PDB file of N, CA and C in Angstrom:
ATOM      1  N   PRO A   1      14.819   5.132  -8.144  1.00  0.00           N
ATOM      2  CA  PRO A   1      13.525   4.878  -8.289  1.00  0.00           C
ATOM      3  C   PRO A   1      13.414   3.810  -9.467  1.00  0.00           C
ATOM      4  N   GLN A   2      12.376   2.953  -9.548  1.00  0.00           N
ATOM      5  CA  GLN A   2      11.513   1.739 -10.138  1.00  0.00           C
ATOM      6  C   GLN A   2      10.565   1.533 -10.347  1.00  0.00           C
ATOM      7  N   SER A   3       9.875   1.169 -11.736  1.00  0.00           N
ATOM      8  CA  SER A   3       8.678   0.782 -11.802  1.00  0.00           C
ATOM      9  C   SER A   3       8.078   2.301 -12.593  1.00  0.00           C
ATOM     10  N   SER A   4       8.476   2.893 -12.852  1.00  0.00           N
ATOM     11  CA  SER A   4       8.166   4.205 -13.439  1.00  0.00           C
ATOM     12  C   SER A   4       7.468   5.338 -12.106  1.00  0.00           C
ATOM     13  N   THR A   5       8.243   5.064 -11.287  1.00  0.00           N
ATOM     14  CA  THR A   5       7.547   6.011 -10.046  1.00  0.00           C
ATOM     15  C   THR A   5       8.748   7.228 -10.060  1.00  0.00           C
ATOM     16  N   ASN A   6       8.585   7.910  -9.326  1.00  0.00           N
ATOM     17  CA  ASN A   6       9.678   9.468  -9.293  1.00  0.00           C
ATOM     18  C   ASN A   6       9.956   9.036  -7.580  1.00  0.00           C
ATOM     19  N   THR A   7      10.510   7.893  -7.070  1.00  0.00           N
ATOM     20  CA  THR A   7      11.009   7.715  -5.978  1.00  0.00           C
ATOM     21  C   THR A   7      12.581   8.058  -5.892  1.00  0.00           C
ATOM     22  N   ARG A   8      12.384   9.132  -4.695  1.00  0.00           N
ATOM     23  CA  ARG A   8      13.992   9.393  -4.311  1.00  0.00           C
ATOM     24  C   ARG A   8      14.242   9.729  -2.873  1.00  0.00           C
ATOM     25  N   GLY A   9      15.379   9.686  -2.620  1.00  0.00           N
ATOM     26  CA  GLY A   9      15.629   9.899  -1.353  1.00  0.00           C
ATOM     27  C   GLY A   9      16.521   9.149  -0.462  1.00  0.00           C
ATOM     28  N   MET A  10      17.125   9.296   0.456  1.00  0.00           N
ATOM     29  CA  MET A  10      18.216   8.132   1.155  1.00  0.00           C
ATOM     30  C   MET A  10      17.464   7.553   2.064  1.00  0.00           C
ATOM     31  N   VAL A  11      17.794   6.174   1.954  1.00  0.00           N
ATOM     32  CA  VAL A  11      17.490   5.309   3.520  1.00  0.00           C
ATOM     33  C   VAL A  11      18.772   5.259   4.448  1.00  0.00           C
ATOM     34  N   GLN A  12      18.360   5.598   5.768  1.00  0.00           N
ATOM     35  CA  GLN A  12      19.948   5.278   6.294  1.00  0.00           C
ATOM     36  C   GLN A  12      19.283   4.573   8.126  1.00  0.00           C
ATOM     37  N   LEU A  13      20.675   3.863   8.458  1.00  0.00           N
ATOM     38  CA  LEU A  13      20.497   3.122   9.724  1.00  0.00           C
ATOM     39  C   LEU A  13      20.991   4.187  10.851  1.00  0.00           C
ATOM     40  N   VAL A  14      20.244   4.867  11.714  1.00  0.00           N
ATOM     41  CA  VAL A  14      20.788   5.747  12.621  1.00  0.00           C
ATOM     42  C   VAL A  14      20.294   5.049  13.916  1.00  0.00           C
ATOM     43  N   ARG A  15      21.584   5.606  14.936  1.00  0.00           N
ATOM     44  CA  ARG A  15      21.505   5.197  16.304  1.00  0.00           C
ATOM     45  C   ARG A  15      21.347   6.613  17.606  1.00  0.00           C
ATOM     46  N   ASP A  16      20.146   6.289  18.281  1.00  0.00           N
ATOM     47  CA  ASP A  16      20.088   7.468  19.207  1.00  0.00           C
ATOM     48  C   ASP A  16      21.085   7.562  20.445  1.00  0.00           C
ATOM     49  N   GLU A  17      20.953   8.449  20.787  1.00  0.00           N
ATOM     50  CA  GLU A  17      21.908   8.842  22.185  1.00  0.00           C
ATOM     51  C   GLU A  17      21.336   7.724  23.600  1.00  0.00           C
ATOM     52  N   ASP A  18      20.446   7.020  23.257  1.00  0.00           N
ATOM     53  CA  ASP A  18      19.922   5.803  23.993  1.00  0.00           C
ATOM     54  C   ASP A  18      19.800   4.504  23.713  1.00  0.00           C
ATOM     55  N   ASN A  19      21.001   4.335  22.378  1.00  0.00           N
ATOM     56  CA  ASN A  19      21.292   3.073  21.620  1.00  0.00           C
ATOM     57  C   ASN A  19      19.891   2.396  21.034  1.00  0.00           C
ATOM     58  N   LYS A  20      19.232   3.332  21.087  1.00  0.00           N
ATOM     59  CA  LYS A  20      18.280   2.943  20.034  1.00  0.00           C
ATOM     60  C   LYS A  20      18.098   2.853  18.462  1.00  0.00           C
ATOM     61  N   PHE A  21      17.529   2.149  17.550  1.00  0.00           N
ATOM     62  CA  PHE A  21      18.058   1.899  16.373  1.00  0.00           C
ATOM     63  C   PHE A  21      16.821   2.665  15.648  1.00  0.00           C
ATOM     64  N   PHE A  22      16.947   3.522  14.267  1.00  0.00           N
ATOM     65  CA  PHE A  22      15.818   3.449  13.532  1.00  0.00           C
ATOM     66  C   PHE A  22      16.528   3.421  11.912  1.00  0.00           C
ATOM     67  N   ILE A  23      15.461   3.345  11.256  1.00  0.00           N
ATOM     68  CA  ILE A  23      15.639   3.419   9.688  1.00  0.00           C
ATOM     69  C   ILE A  23      15.128   4.760   9.588  1.00  0.00           C
ATOM     70  N   ARG A  24      15.557   5.637   8.996  1.00  0.00           N
ATOM     71  CA  ARG A  24      15.278   7.085   8.394  1.00  0.00           C
ATOM     72  C   ARG A  24      15.378   7.103   7.057  1.00  0.00           C
ATOM     73  N   LEU A  25      14.294   7.869   6.705  1.00  0.00           N
ATOM     74  CA  LEU A  25      14.174   8.614   5.229  1.00  0.00           C
ATOM     75  C   LEU A  25      14.163   9.970   5.117  1.00  0.00           C
ATOM     76  N   SER A  26      15.297   9.933   4.229  1.00  0.00           N
ATOM     77  CA  SER A  26      15.671  11.168   4.067  1.00  0.00           C
ATOM     78  C   SER A  26      14.505  12.457   4.078  1.00  0.00           C
ATOM     79  N   ASP A  27      14.580  13.892   4.206  1.00  0.00           N
ATOM     80  CA  ASP A  27      13.526  14.855   3.996  1.00  0.00           C
ATOM     81  C   ASP A  27      13.190  15.025   2.562  1.00  0.00           C
ATOM     82  N   ASP A  28      14.369  14.431   1.440  1.00  0.00           N
ATOM     83  CA  ASP A  28      13.959  14.686   0.311  1.00  0.00           C
ATOM     84  C   ASP A  28      13.024  13.355   0.223  1.00  0.00           C
ATOM     85  N   PHE A  29      12.793  12.554   0.590  1.00  0.00           N
ATOM     86  CA  PHE A  29      11.787  11.250   0.486  1.00  0.00           C
ATOM     87  C   PHE A  29      10.477  11.493  -0.403  1.00  0.00           C
ATOM     88  N   THR A  30      10.348  11.149  -1.184  1.00  0.00           N
ATOM     89  CA  THR A  30       9.338  11.185  -2.113  1.00  0.00           C
ATOM     90  C   THR A  30       9.265   9.467  -2.903  1.00  0.00           C
ATOM     91  N   THR A  31       7.911   9.300  -3.302  1.00  0.00           N
ATOM     92  CA  THR A  31       7.463   8.342  -4.131  1.00  0.00           C
ATOM     93  C   THR A  31       5.885   8.026  -4.724  1.00  0.00           C
ATOM     94  N   LYS A  32       5.125   7.525  -5.295  1.00  0.00           N
ATOM     95  CA  LYS A  32       4.096   7.395  -5.947  1.00  0.00           C
ATOM     96  C   LYS A  32       3.280   6.861  -4.406  1.00  0.00           C
ATOM     97  N   PHE A  33       2.206   7.476  -4.043  1.00  0.00           N
ATOM     98  CA  PHE A  33       1.450   7.213  -2.775  1.00  0.00           C
ATOM     99  C   PHE A  33       0.067   6.775  -3.407  1.00  0.00           C
ATOM    100  N   SER A  34      -0.329   6.841  -4.626  1.00  0.00           N
ATOM    101  CA  SER A  34      -1.885   6.544  -4.889  1.00  0.00           C
ATOM    102  C   SER A  34      -2.346   5.650  -4.869  1.00  0.00           C
ATOM    103  N   THR A  35      -1.373   4.307  -4.225  1.00  0.00           N
ATOM    104  CA  THR A  35      -1.819   2.913  -4.294  1.00  0.00           C
ATOM    105  C   THR A  35      -2.343   2.752  -2.528  1.00  0.00           C
ATOM    106  N   GLY A  36      -1.318   3.831  -1.719  1.00  0.00           N
ATOM    107  CA  GLY A  36      -1.712   3.574  -0.143  1.00  0.00           C
ATOM    108  C   GLY A  36      -1.346   2.489   0.462  1.00  0.00           C
ATOM    109  N   THR A  37      -0.129   1.763  -0.056  1.00  0.00           N
ATOM    110  CA  THR A  37       0.436   0.564   0.449  1.00  0.00           C
ATOM    111  C   THR A  37       2.049   0.653   0.446  1.00  0.00           C
ATOM    112  N   VAL A  38       2.663   1.824   0.290  1.00  0.00           N
ATOM    113  CA  VAL A  38       3.845   2.041   0.198  1.00  0.00           C
ATOM    114  C   VAL A  38       4.644   0.995   1.642  1.00  0.00           C
ATOM    115  N   THR A  39       5.465   0.439   1.616  1.00  0.00           N
ATOM    116  CA  THR A  39       5.976  -0.304   2.402  1.00  0.00           C
ATOM    117  C   THR A  39       7.411   0.026   2.593  1.00  0.00           C
ATOM    118  N   VAL A  40       8.180   0.081   3.798  1.00  0.00           N
ATOM    119  CA  VAL A  40       9.420  -0.184   3.592  1.00  0.00           C
ATOM    120  C   VAL A  40      10.336  -1.033   4.246  1.00  0.00           C
ATOM    121  N   TYR A  41      10.953  -1.819   3.810  1.00  0.00           N
ATOM    122  CA  TYR A  41      11.980  -3.065   3.968  1.00  0.00           C
ATOM    123  C   TYR A  41      13.149  -3.064   3.999  1.00  0.00           C
ATOM    124  N   LEU A  42      13.699  -3.630   4.888  1.00  0.00           N
ATOM    125  CA  LEU A  42      15.201  -4.241   4.739  1.00  0.00           C
ATOM    126  C   LEU A  42      15.313  -5.300   4.100  1.00  0.00           C
ATOM    127  N   SER A  43      16.484  -5.753   3.231  1.00  0.00           N
ATOM    128  CA  SER A  43      16.716  -6.710   2.278  1.00  0.00           C
ATOM    129  C   SER A  43      18.202  -7.080   2.082  1.00  0.00           C
ATOM    130  N   THR A  44      18.402  -8.471   2.187  1.00  0.00           N
ATOM    131  CA  THR A  44      19.666  -8.753   1.761  1.00  0.00           C
ATOM    132  C   THR A  44      20.265  -8.223   0.064  1.00  0.00           C
ATOM    133  N   SER A  45      19.220  -7.714  -0.476  1.00  0.00           N
ATOM    134  CA  SER A  45      20.016  -7.276  -2.111  1.00  0.00           C
ATOM    135  C   SER A  45      18.843  -6.300  -2.722  1.00  0.00           C
ATOM    136  N   GLN A  46      19.192  -6.028  -3.549  1.00  0.00           N
ATOM    137  CA  GLN A  46      18.518  -4.657  -4.342  1.00  0.00           C
ATOM    138  C   GLN A  46      17.032  -5.225  -4.495  1.00  0.00           C
ATOM    139  N   SER A  47      16.718  -6.274  -4.663  1.00  0.00           N
ATOM    140  CA  SER A  47      15.568  -7.023  -5.011  1.00  0.00           C
ATOM    141  C   SER A  47      14.722  -7.896  -3.792  1.00  0.00           C
ATOM    142  N   LEU A  48      13.635  -7.409  -3.898  1.00  0.00           N
ATOM    143  CA  LEU A  48      12.644  -7.943  -2.336  1.00  0.00           C
ATOM    144  C   LEU A  48      12.227  -8.967  -2.924  1.00  0.00           C
ATOM    145  N   ASN A  49      12.474 -10.342  -1.885  1.00  0.00           N
ATOM    146  CA  ASN A  49      11.940 -11.777  -2.237  1.00  0.00           C
ATOM    147  C   ASN A  49      11.025 -12.049  -0.998  1.00  0.00           C
ATOM    148  N   LEU A  50       9.637 -11.684  -1.439  1.00  0.00           N
ATOM    149  CA  LEU A  50       8.879 -11.813  -0.182  1.00  0.00           C
ATOM    150  C   LEU A  50       8.970 -13.680  -0.219  1.00  0.00           C
ATOM    151  N   ASN A  51       8.869 -14.189  -1.029  1.00  0.00           N
ATOM    152  CA  ASN A  51       8.767 -15.985  -0.759  1.00  0.00           C
ATOM    153  C   ASN A  51      10.049 -16.647   0.254  1.00  0.00           C
ATOM    154  N   ASN A  52      10.801 -15.760   0.370  1.00  0.00           N
ATOM    155  CA  ASN A  52      12.032 -16.032   1.561  1.00  0.00           C
ATOM    156  C   ASN A  52      12.611 -15.189   2.254  1.00  0.00           C
ATOM    157  N   THR A  53      11.726 -15.940   3.976  1.00  0.00           N
ATOM    158  CA  THR A  53      11.626 -14.481   4.632  1.00  0.00           C
ATOM    159  C   THR A  53      12.538 -14.364   5.923  1.00  0.00           C
ATOM    160  N   SER A  54      13.902 -15.047   5.308  1.00  0.00           N
ATOM    161  CA  SER A  54      15.343 -14.962   5.414  1.00  0.00           C
ATOM    162  C   SER A  54      16.044 -13.898   4.796  1.00  0.00           C
ATOM    163  N   THR A  55      15.233 -12.898   3.900  1.00  0.00           N
ATOM    164  CA  THR A  55      16.456 -12.172   3.064  1.00  0.00           C
ATOM    165  C   THR A  55      15.671 -10.763   3.427  1.00  0.00           C
ATOM    166  N   TYR A  56      14.606 -10.134   4.068  1.00  0.00           N
ATOM    167  CA  TYR A  56      13.846  -9.156   4.356  1.00  0.00           C
ATOM    168  C   TYR A  56      13.257  -9.024   5.911  1.00  0.00           C
ATOM    169  N   GLN A  57      13.692  -7.478   6.135  1.00  0.00           N
ATOM    170  CA  GLN A  57      12.716  -7.532   7.386  1.00  0.00           C
ATOM    171  C   GLN A  57      11.896  -6.076   7.027  1.00  0.00           C
ATOM    172  N   LEU A  58      10.499  -6.458   7.576  1.00  0.00           N
ATOM    173  CA  LEU A  58       9.453  -5.582   7.455  1.00  0.00           C
ATOM    174  C   LEU A  58       9.655  -4.344   8.126  1.00  0.00           C
ATOM    175  N   VAL A  59       9.922  -2.991   7.908  1.00  0.00           N
ATOM    176  CA  VAL A  59       9.962  -1.904   8.675  1.00  0.00           C
ATOM    177  C   VAL A  59       8.787  -1.188   8.877  1.00  0.00           C
ATOM    178  N   SER A  60       8.262  -0.704   8.076  1.00  0.00           N
ATOM    179  CA  SER A  60       7.108   0.098   8.336  1.00  0.00           C
ATOM    180  C   SER A  60       6.396   0.404   7.117  1.00  0.00           C
ATOM    181  N   ILE A  61       5.007   0.730   7.170  1.00  0.00           N
ATOM    182  CA  ILE A  61       4.483   1.534   5.928  1.00  0.00           C
ATOM    183  C   ILE A  61       4.201   3.005   6.131  1.00  0.00           C
ATOM    184  N   VAL A  62       4.483   3.506   4.742  1.00  0.00           N
ATOM    185  CA  VAL A  62       4.984   4.624   4.820  1.00  0.00           C
ATOM    186  C   VAL A  62       3.422   5.768   4.144  1.00  0.00           C
ATOM    187  N   GLY A  63       3.030   6.581   4.720  1.00  0.00           N
ATOM    188  CA  GLY A  63       2.167   7.411   3.787  1.00  0.00           C
ATOM    189  C   GLY A  63       2.194   8.448   3.221  1.00  0.00           C
ATOM    190  N   LYS A  64       3.493   9.393   3.445  1.00  0.00           N
ATOM    191  CA  LYS A  64       3.716  10.798   2.937  1.00  0.00           C
ATOM    192  C   LYS A  64       5.057  10.780   2.638  1.00  0.00           C
ATOM    193  N   SER A  65       5.541  11.890   2.070  1.00  0.00           N
ATOM    194  CA  SER A  65       6.690  12.062   1.599  1.00  0.00           C
ATOM    195  C   SER A  65       7.419  12.753   2.883  1.00  0.00           C
ATOM    196  N   GLY A  66       8.592  13.083   2.595  1.00  0.00           N
ATOM    197  CA  GLY A  66       9.523  13.675   3.606  1.00  0.00           C
ATOM    198  C   GLY A  66      10.201  12.866   4.606  1.00  0.00           C
ATOM    199  N   GLU A  67      10.830  13.277   5.414  1.00  0.00           N
ATOM    200  CA  GLU A  67      11.860  12.825   6.740  1.00  0.00           C
ATOM    201  C   GLU A  67      10.770  11.789   7.455  1.00  0.00           C
ATOM    202  N   HIS A  68      11.461  10.568   7.753  1.00  0.00           N
ATOM    203  CA  HIS A  68      10.838   9.888   8.383  1.00  0.00           C
ATOM    204  C   HIS A  68      11.559   8.850   9.492  1.00  0.00           C
ATOM    205  N   PHE A  69      11.439   8.800  10.769  1.00  0.00           N
ATOM    206  CA  PHE A  69      12.335   7.667  11.743  1.00  0.00           C
ATOM    207  C   PHE A  69      11.641   6.183  11.999  1.00  0.00           C
ATOM    208  N   PHE A  70      11.667   5.111  11.425  1.00  0.00           N
ATOM    209  CA  PHE A  70      10.752   4.177  12.018  1.00  0.00           C
ATOM    210  C   PHE A  70      11.786   3.146  12.997  1.00  0.00           C
ATOM    211  N   SER A  71      11.051   3.091  14.288  1.00  0.00           N
ATOM    212  CA  SER A  71      12.231   2.430  14.934  1.00  0.00           C
ATOM    213  C   SER A  71      12.150   0.767  14.764  1.00  0.00           C
ATOM    214  N   LEU A  72      13.401   0.547  15.181  1.00  0.00           N
ATOM    215  CA  LEU A  72      13.665  -0.648  15.369  1.00  0.00           C
ATOM    216  C   LEU A  72      13.842  -1.578  16.475  1.00  0.00           C
ATOM    217  N   PRO A  73      13.843  -2.933  16.310  1.00  0.00           N
ATOM    218  CA  PRO A  73      13.469  -3.942  18.043  1.00  0.00           C
ATOM    219  C   PRO A  73      15.088  -3.582  18.340  1.00  0.00           C
ATOM    220  N   GLY A  74      16.025  -3.765  17.170  1.00  0.00           N
ATOM    221  CA  GLY A  74      17.262  -3.301  17.904  1.00  0.00           C
ATOM    222  C   GLY A  74      18.654  -3.427  16.753  1.00  0.00           C
ATOM    223  N   MET A  75      19.537  -3.792  16.867  1.00  0.00           N
ATOM    224  CA  MET A  75      20.674  -3.637  15.518  1.00  0.00           C
ATOM    225  C   MET A  75      20.240  -4.332  14.435  1.00  0.00           C
ATOM    226  N   PRO A  76      19.666  -3.911  13.135  1.00  0.00           N
ATOM    227  CA  PRO A  76      19.340  -5.152  12.106  1.00  0.00           C
ATOM    228  C   PRO A  76      20.952  -5.897  11.935  1.00  0.00           C
ATOM    229  N   ASP A  77      20.299  -7.091  11.586  1.00  0.00           N
ATOM    230  CA  ASP A  77      21.474  -7.989  10.971  1.00  0.00           C
ATOM    231  C   ASP A  77      21.941  -7.362  10.143  1.00  0.00           C
ATOM    232  N   GLU A  78      23.523  -7.754   9.702  1.00  0.00           N
ATOM    233  CA  GLU A  78      24.157  -7.249   9.070  1.00  0.00           C
ATOM    234  C   GLU A  78      24.278  -7.814   7.524  1.00  0.00           C
ATOM    235  N   LYS A  79      23.221  -8.795   7.260  1.00  0.00           N
ATOM    236  CA  LYS A  79      22.912  -9.193   5.845  1.00  0.00           C
ATOM    237  C   LYS A  79      22.120  -8.331   5.129  1.00  0.00           C
ATOM    238  N   PHE A  80      21.449  -7.114   6.218  1.00  0.00           N
ATOM    239  CA  PHE A  80      20.457  -6.731   5.173  1.00  0.00           C
ATOM    240  C   PHE A  80      21.253  -4.978   4.505  1.00  0.00           C
ATOM    241  N   THR A  81      21.353  -5.409   3.779  1.00  0.00           N
ATOM    242  CA  THR A  81      22.157  -4.451   2.483  1.00  0.00           C
ATOM    243  C   THR A  81      21.624  -3.196   1.976  1.00  0.00           C
ATOM    244  N   HIS A  82      20.321  -3.417   1.929  1.00  0.00           N
ATOM    245  CA  HIS A  82      19.395  -2.506   0.942  1.00  0.00           C
ATOM    246  C   HIS A  82      18.094  -1.982   1.609  1.00  0.00           C
ATOM    247  N   GLY A  83      17.503  -1.044   1.621  1.00  0.00           N
ATOM    248  CA  GLY A  83      16.160  -0.465   1.819  1.00  0.00           C
ATOM    249  C   GLY A  83      15.807  -0.751   0.669  1.00  0.00           C
ATOM    250  N   ILE A  84      14.454  -0.837   0.615  1.00  0.00           N
ATOM    251  CA  ILE A  84      13.549  -1.091  -0.407  1.00  0.00           C
ATOM    252  C   ILE A  84      12.310  -0.587  -0.070  1.00  0.00           C
ATOM    253  N   ILE A  85      11.625   0.074  -1.051  1.00  0.00           N
ATOM    254  CA  ILE A  85      10.456   1.074  -0.606  1.00  0.00           C
ATOM    255  C   ILE A  85       9.231  -0.289  -2.273  1.00  0.00           C
ATOM    256  N   TRP A  86       8.910  -0.391  -1.376  1.00  0.00           N
ATOM    257  CA  TRP A  86       7.752  -1.346  -2.482  1.00  0.00           C
ATOM    258  C   TRP A  86       6.462  -1.009  -2.181  1.00  0.00           C
ATOM    259  N   CYS A  87       5.455  -1.576  -3.315  1.00  0.00           N
ATOM    260  CA  CYS A  87       4.316  -1.327  -3.195  1.00  0.00           C
ATOM    261  C   CYS A  87       3.076  -2.366  -3.285  1.00  0.00           C
ATOM    262  N   GLY A  88       2.796  -2.734  -2.261  1.00  0.00           N
ATOM    263  CA  GLY A  88       2.177  -3.992  -1.657  1.00  0.00           C
ATOM    264  C   GLY A  88       0.899  -4.313  -2.613  1.00  0.00           C
ATOM    265  N   ALA A  89       0.028  -3.113  -2.886  1.00  0.00           N
ATOM    266  CA  ALA A  89      -0.857  -3.310  -3.806  1.00  0.00           C
ATOM    267  C   ALA A  89      -0.672  -3.759  -5.089  1.00  0.00           C
ATOM    268  N   ALA A  90       0.499  -3.466  -5.891  1.00  0.00           N
ATOM    269  CA  ALA A  90       0.920  -3.829  -7.198  1.00  0.00           C
ATOM    270  C   ALA A  90       1.902  -5.250  -7.320  1.00  0.00           C
ATOM    271  N   GLY A  91       2.289  -4.960  -5.730  1.00  0.00           N
ATOM    272  CA  GLY A  91       3.427  -5.967  -5.696  1.00  0.00           C
ATOM    273  C   GLY A  91       4.720  -6.097  -6.950  1.00  0.00           C
ATOM    274  N   ILE A  92       5.264  -4.391  -6.807  1.00  0.00           N
ATOM    275  CA  ILE A  92       6.191  -4.126  -7.319  1.00  0.00           C
ATOM    276  C   ILE A  92       7.199  -3.333  -6.354  1.00  0.00           C
ATOM    277  N   PRO A  93       8.341  -2.927  -7.002  1.00  0.00           N
ATOM    278  CA  PRO A  93       9.512  -2.213  -6.046  1.00  0.00           C
ATOM    279  C   PRO A  93       8.826  -0.865  -7.021  1.00  0.00           C
ATOM    280  N   PHE A  94       9.315  -0.065  -5.822  1.00  0.00           N
ATOM    281  CA  PHE A  94       9.081   1.417  -6.042  1.00  0.00           C
ATOM    282  C   PHE A  94      10.628   2.000  -6.012  1.00  0.00           C
ATOM    283  N   GLY A  95      11.300   1.536  -5.745  1.00  0.00           N
ATOM    284  CA  GLY A  95      12.840   2.134  -5.687  1.00  0.00           C
ATOM    285  C   GLY A  95      13.691   0.729  -4.288  1.00  0.00           C
ATOM    286  N   PHE A  96      15.247   1.153  -4.340  1.00  0.00           N
ATOM    287  CA  PHE A  96      15.783   0.706  -3.644  1.00  0.00           C
ATOM    288  C   PHE A  96      17.027   1.567  -3.288  1.00  0.00           C
ATOM    289  N   ALA A  97      17.823   1.412  -2.087  1.00  0.00           N
ATOM    290  CA  ALA A  97      18.910   1.953  -1.917  1.00  0.00           C
ATOM    291  C   ALA A  97      19.738   1.608  -1.034  1.00  0.00           C
ATOM    292  N   PRO A  98      21.432   1.178  -1.415  1.00  0.00           N
ATOM    293  CA  PRO A  98      22.188   0.188  -0.687  1.00  0.00           C
ATOM    294  C   PRO A  98      22.086   1.126   1.029  1.00  0.00           C
ATOM    295  N   MET A  99      22.745   0.390   1.653  1.00  0.00           N
ATOM    296  CA  MET A  99      22.841   0.767   3.121  1.00  0.00           C
ATOM    297  C   MET A  99      24.397   1.400   3.272  1.00  0.00           C
ATOM    298  N   ASN A 100      25.122   2.247   3.166  1.00  0.00           N
ATOM    299  CA  ASN A 100      26.573   2.504   3.280  1.00  0.00           C
ATOM    300  C   ASN A 100      26.748   2.661   4.420  1.00  0.00           C
TER     301      ASN A 100
END
């Protein structure tokens, strides 16, 4: 968790039986949703740098707690080492997790 939020859960890269890739937020995922603009990114570090588009990949907006699967266009680049939960309205991080 970051920025005094209650963010928790895991971010995982998963592949299904059809070789399609997804970002999964675990069933215990939760964060602060009062802003309405909670967004999931892949990043090259634990800090999101929106000024450098080569350091992140937008995944999806998320609007509720619990397990989620977000479809990806393919296997993400190996340079993306972290999942980031970002508040667009406030421009602050709500949390990050290493992609192990």
